[in-house]
Amino acid sequence: MQSIHFDHVGLNVADLDAQAAWYEHALGLRRTHPFSVPPIEMTGIFLIDGKGIAIELVHRPDNHAGMDAPNPAVAALTRGYGHICLRVDDVDEFYARLTEAGAESAMAPQDSPEPGVRFAWVRDPEGNLIEFHDRKTPVI
């Protein structure tokens, strides 16, 4: 059987430079692998942390917003990819860091339905949902 692992998450954005700068600042990622696909006027860049997180930001002229959910409950009413989720050491500290960097709160830090796990949600400057939690074990 072929080995499969998660490689990256792709995010279509309105302002490639502004979103890349925000993710660099807020998440401590660094830019790498800028690219373009001239036949469809697409440009993009990868942002990585060097430990496995990779976010691909993609832009095409005249793109338009899709789902613009204010919180995870509303996002769950729309089929398709709804958010990215990050595992962090301290949910409250990370929430403060992201909101200070300009993220909008979508769900303040609280206990998760999963026992022993704390979680929160924010919206990046273009409204994309980011969940984060402090689960200490693999998803089972």
C-alpha atoms as a PDB file:
ATOM      1  CA  MET A   1       0.000   0.000   0.000  1.00  0.00           C
ATOM      2  CA  GLN A   2       1.201   3.518  -0.798  1.00  0.00           C
ATOM      3  CA  SER A   3       2.281   5.795   2.055  1.00  0.00           C
ATOM      4  CA  ILE A   4       0.087   8.913   2.426  1.00  0.00           C
ATOM      5  CA  HIS A   5       0.680  11.968   4.581  1.00  0.00           C
ATOM      6  CA  PHE A   6      -0.724  15.477   4.784  1.00  0.00           C
ATOM      7  CA  ASP A   7       1.447  17.921   2.802  1.00  0.00           C
ATOM      8  CA  HIS A   8      -0.065  21.427   2.961  1.00  0.00           C
ATOM      9  CA  VAL A   9      -3.269  23.447   3.052  1.00  0.00           C
ATOM     10  CA  GLY A  10      -4.105  25.824   0.200  1.00  0.00           C
ATOM     11  CA  LEU A  11      -5.832  29.131   0.735  1.00  0.00           C
ATOM     12  CA  ASN A  12      -7.076  31.404  -2.057  1.00  0.00           C
ATOM     13  CA  VAL A  13      -6.619  35.045  -1.072  1.00  0.00           C
ATOM     14  CA  ALA A  14      -7.521  38.513  -2.316  1.00  0.00           C
ATOM     15  CA  ASP A  15      -4.235  40.164  -1.328  1.00  0.00           C
ATOM     16  CA  LEU A  16      -1.270  37.781  -1.570  1.00  0.00           C
ATOM     17  CA  ASP A  17       1.332  40.123  -0.047  1.00  0.00           C
ATOM     18  CA  ALA A  18      -0.862  41.265   2.850  1.00  0.00           C
ATOM     19  CA  GLN A  19      -1.968  37.741   3.754  1.00  0.00           C
ATOM     20  CA  ALA A  20       1.597  36.396   3.500  1.00  0.00           C
ATOM     21  CA  ALA A  21       2.799  39.182   5.790  1.00  0.00           C
ATOM     22  CA  TRP A  22       0.009  38.456   8.292  1.00  0.00           C
ATOM     23  CA  TYR A  23       0.719  34.703   8.416  1.00  0.00           C
ATOM     24  CA  GLU A  24       4.444  35.409   8.761  1.00  0.00           C
ATOM     25  CA  HIS A  25       3.857  37.762  11.673  1.00  0.00           C
ATOM     26  CA  ALA A  26       0.966  35.996  13.422  1.00  0.00           C
ATOM     27  CA  LEU A  27       2.132  32.384  13.056  1.00  0.00           C
ATOM     28  CA  GLY A  28       5.867  32.890  12.744  1.00  0.00           C
ATOM     29  CA  LEU A  29       5.965  31.272   9.298  1.00  0.00           C
ATOM     30  CA  ARG A  30       8.523  32.123   6.633  1.00  0.00           C
ATOM     31  CA  ARG A  31       7.982  32.624   2.916  1.00  0.00           C
ATOM     32  CA  THR A  32       9.412  30.110   0.472  1.00  0.00           C
ATOM     33  CA  HIS A  33       8.706  28.759  -3.002  1.00  0.00           C
ATOM     34  CA  PRO A  34       6.940  31.703  -4.720  1.00  0.00           C
ATOM     35  CA  PHE A  35       5.418  30.603  -8.003  1.00  0.00           C
ATOM     36  CA  SER A  36       3.335  31.735 -10.946  1.00  0.00           C
ATOM     37  CA  VAL A  37       1.180  30.005 -13.511  1.00  0.00           C
ATOM     38  CA  PRO A  38       1.093  32.565 -16.367  1.00  0.00           C
ATOM     39  CA  PRO A  39      -1.615  30.924 -18.536  1.00  0.00           C
ATOM     40  CA  ILE A  40      -4.180  31.488 -15.767  1.00  0.00           C
ATOM     41  CA  GLU A  41      -2.566  34.570 -14.171  1.00  0.00           C
ATOM     42  CA  MET A  42      -2.114  32.745 -10.870  1.00  0.00           C
ATOM     43  CA  THR A  43       0.588  33.583  -8.346  1.00  0.00           C
ATOM     44  CA  GLY A  44       1.292  32.037  -5.008  1.00  0.00           C
ATOM     45  CA  ILE A  45       3.694  31.426  -2.211  1.00  0.00           C
ATOM     46  CA  PHE A  46       4.301  28.776   0.408  1.00  0.00           C
ATOM     47  CA  LEU A  47       4.677  29.698   4.073  1.00  0.00           C
ATOM     48  CA  ILE A  48       6.351  27.129   6.320  1.00  0.00           C
ATOM     49  CA  ASP A  49       7.536  26.671   9.874  1.00  0.00           C
ATOM     50  CA  GLY A  50      10.234  24.082   9.134  1.00  0.00           C
ATOM     51  CA  LYS A  51       8.526  21.488  11.359  1.00  0.00           C
ATOM     52  CA  GLY A  52       5.739  20.338   9.060  1.00  0.00           C
ATOM     53  CA  ILE A  53       3.279  23.212   8.734  1.00  0.00           C
ATOM     54  CA  ALA A  54       2.912  24.465   5.162  1.00  0.00           C
ATOM     55  CA  ILE A  55       0.291  26.929   3.941  1.00  0.00           C
ATOM     56  CA  GLU A  56       0.043  27.722   0.235  1.00  0.00           C
ATOM     57  CA  LEU A  57      -1.446  31.139  -0.483  1.00  0.00           C
ATOM     58  CA  VAL A  58      -2.810  31.493  -4.024  1.00  0.00           C
ATOM     59  CA  HIS A  59      -4.087  34.570  -5.866  1.00  0.00           C
ATOM     60  CA  ARG A  60      -5.760  35.151  -9.220  1.00  0.00           C
ATOM     61  CA  PRO A  61      -6.942  38.562 -10.414  1.00  0.00           C
ATOM     62  CA  ASP A  62     -10.674  39.155 -10.052  1.00  0.00           C
ATOM     63  CA  ASN A  63     -11.154  36.297  -7.592  1.00  0.00           C
ATOM     64  CA  HIS A  64     -14.198  36.592  -5.365  1.00  0.00           C
ATOM     65  CA  ALA A  65     -14.985  35.674  -1.791  1.00  0.00           C
ATOM     66  CA  GLY A  66     -16.603  32.357  -1.023  1.00  0.00           C
ATOM     67  CA  MET A  67     -17.821  31.371   2.411  1.00  0.00           C
ATOM     68  CA  ASP A  68     -17.547  34.214   4.901  1.00  0.00           C
ATOM     69  CA  ALA A  69     -18.652  32.544   8.118  1.00  0.00           C
ATOM     70  CA  PRO A  70     -18.426  34.550  11.340  1.00  0.00           C
ATOM     71  CA  ASN A  71     -17.917  31.402  13.436  1.00  0.00           C
ATOM     72  CA  PRO A  72     -17.596  27.593  13.172  1.00  0.00           C
ATOM     73  CA  ALA A  73     -21.334  26.982  13.631  1.00  0.00           C
ATOM     74  CA  VAL A  74     -22.175  29.047  10.558  1.00  0.00           C
ATOM     75  CA  ALA A  75     -19.262  27.554   8.600  1.00  0.00           C
ATOM     76  CA  ALA A  76     -20.672  24.070   9.223  1.00  0.00           C
ATOM     77  CA  LEU A  77     -23.767  25.047   7.212  1.00  0.00           C
ATOM     78  CA  THR A  78     -21.674  25.210   4.019  1.00  0.00           C
ATOM     79  CA  ARG A  79     -20.220  22.060   2.458  1.00  0.00           C
ATOM     80  CA  GLY A  80     -16.567  21.990   1.506  1.00  0.00           C
ATOM     81  CA  TYR A  81     -13.376  22.976   3.258  1.00  0.00           C
ATOM     82  CA  GLY A  82     -14.257  25.224   6.144  1.00  0.00           C
ATOM     83  CA  HIS A  83     -11.136  25.879   8.231  1.00  0.00           C
ATOM     84  CA  ILE A  84      -7.587  24.956   9.112  1.00  0.00           C
ATOM     85  CA  CYS A  85      -6.699  23.660  12.563  1.00  0.00           C
ATOM     86  CA  LEU A  86      -3.402  24.027  14.388  1.00  0.00           C
ATOM     87  CA  ARG A  87      -2.188  22.182  17.467  1.00  0.00           C
ATOM     88  CA  VAL A  88      -0.633  24.595  19.984  1.00  0.00           C
ATOM     89  CA  ASP A  89       0.816  24.369  23.489  1.00  0.00           C
ATOM     90  CA  ASP A  90      -1.213  27.185  25.076  1.00  0.00           C
ATOM     91  CA  VAL A  91      -4.598  28.073  23.559  1.00  0.00           C
ATOM     92  CA  ASP A  92      -5.076  31.260  25.580  1.00  0.00           C
ATOM     93  CA  GLU A  93      -1.623  32.625  24.746  1.00  0.00           C
ATOM     94  CA  PHE A  94      -2.014  31.762  21.053  1.00  0.00           C
ATOM     95  CA  TYR A  95      -5.494  33.336  20.940  1.00  0.00           C
ATOM     96  CA  ALA A  96      -4.096  36.552  22.462  1.00  0.00           C
ATOM     97  CA  ARG A  97      -1.199  36.506  19.977  1.00  0.00           C
ATOM     98  CA  LEU A  98      -3.477  36.139  16.950  1.00  0.00           C
ATOM     99  CA  THR A  99      -6.065  38.694  18.054  1.00  0.00           C
ATOM    100  CA  GLU A 100      -3.273  41.183  18.848  1.00  0.00           C
ATOM    101  CA  ALA A 101      -1.989  40.540  15.297  1.00  0.00           C
ATOM    102  CA  GLY A 102      -5.382  41.517  13.869  1.00  0.00           C
ATOM    103  CA  ALA A 103      -7.370  38.281  13.827  1.00  0.00           C
ATOM    104  CA  GLU A 104     -11.052  38.556  14.707  1.00  0.00           C
ATOM    105  CA  SER A 105     -12.393  36.309  17.451  1.00  0.00           C
ATOM    106  CA  ALA A 106     -14.813  33.663  16.180  1.00  0.00           C
ATOM    107  CA  MET A 107     -14.943  31.627  19.415  1.00  0.00           C
ATOM    108  CA  ALA A 108     -13.041  32.580  22.564  1.00  0.00           C
ATOM    109  CA  PRO A 109     -10.855  29.970  24.302  1.00  0.00           C
ATOM    110  CA  GLN A 110     -12.889  27.352  26.117  1.00  0.00           C
ATOM    111  CA  ASP A 111     -13.021  23.681  26.996  1.00  0.00           C
ATOM    112  CA  SER A 112     -13.558  21.452  23.993  1.00  0.00           C
ATOM    113  CA  PRO A 113     -16.248  18.767  23.823  1.00  0.00           C
ATOM    114  CA  GLU A 114     -13.240  16.403  23.858  1.00  0.00           C
ATOM    115  CA  PRO A 115     -12.284  15.881  27.522  1.00  0.00           C
ATOM    116  CA  GLY A 116      -8.994  17.499  28.538  1.00  0.00           C
ATOM    117  CA  VAL A 117      -8.714  19.641  25.407  1.00  0.00           C
ATOM    118  CA  ARG A 118      -9.033  23.427  25.193  1.00  0.00           C
ATOM    119  CA  PHE A 119      -9.743  25.192  21.884  1.00  0.00           C
ATOM    120  CA  ALA A 120     -10.570  28.512  20.193  1.00  0.00           C
ATOM    121  CA  TRP A 121     -11.295  29.948  16.741  1.00  0.00           C
ATOM    122  CA  VAL A 122     -10.321  33.184  14.965  1.00  0.00           C
ATOM    123  CA  ARG A 123     -10.789  34.697  11.511  1.00  0.00           C
ATOM    124  CA  ASP A 124      -7.697  35.903   9.628  1.00  0.00           C
ATOM    125  CA  PRO A 125      -7.773  39.402   8.039  1.00  0.00           C
ATOM    126  CA  GLU A 126      -9.697  38.060   5.015  1.00  0.00           C
ATOM    127  CA  GLY A 127     -12.185  36.119   7.171  1.00  0.00           C
ATOM    128  CA  ASN A 128     -10.744  32.583   6.852  1.00  0.00           C
ATOM    129  CA  LEU A 129     -11.382  30.465   9.940  1.00  0.00           C
ATOM    130  CA  ILE A 130      -8.483  29.111  11.986  1.00  0.00           C
ATOM    131  CA  GLU A 131      -9.151  26.652  14.800  1.00  0.00           C
ATOM    132  CA  PHE A 132      -6.480  25.731  17.316  1.00  0.00           C
ATOM    133  CA  HIS A 133      -6.408  23.361  20.263  1.00  0.00           C
ATOM    134  CA  ASP A 134      -4.028  21.843  22.762  1.00  0.00           C
ATOM    135  CA  ARG A 135      -4.727  18.121  22.226  1.00  0.00           C
ATOM    136  CA  LYS A 136      -1.711  16.186  23.498  1.00  0.00           C
ATOM    137  CA  THR A 137      -2.395  12.900  21.678  1.00  0.00           C
ATOM    138  CA  PRO A 138      -3.082  11.943  18.058  1.00  0.00           C
ATOM    139  CA  VAL A 139      -6.646  12.146  16.778  1.00  0.00           C
ATOM    140  CA  ILE A 140      -8.334   8.811  17.441  1.00  0.00           C
END
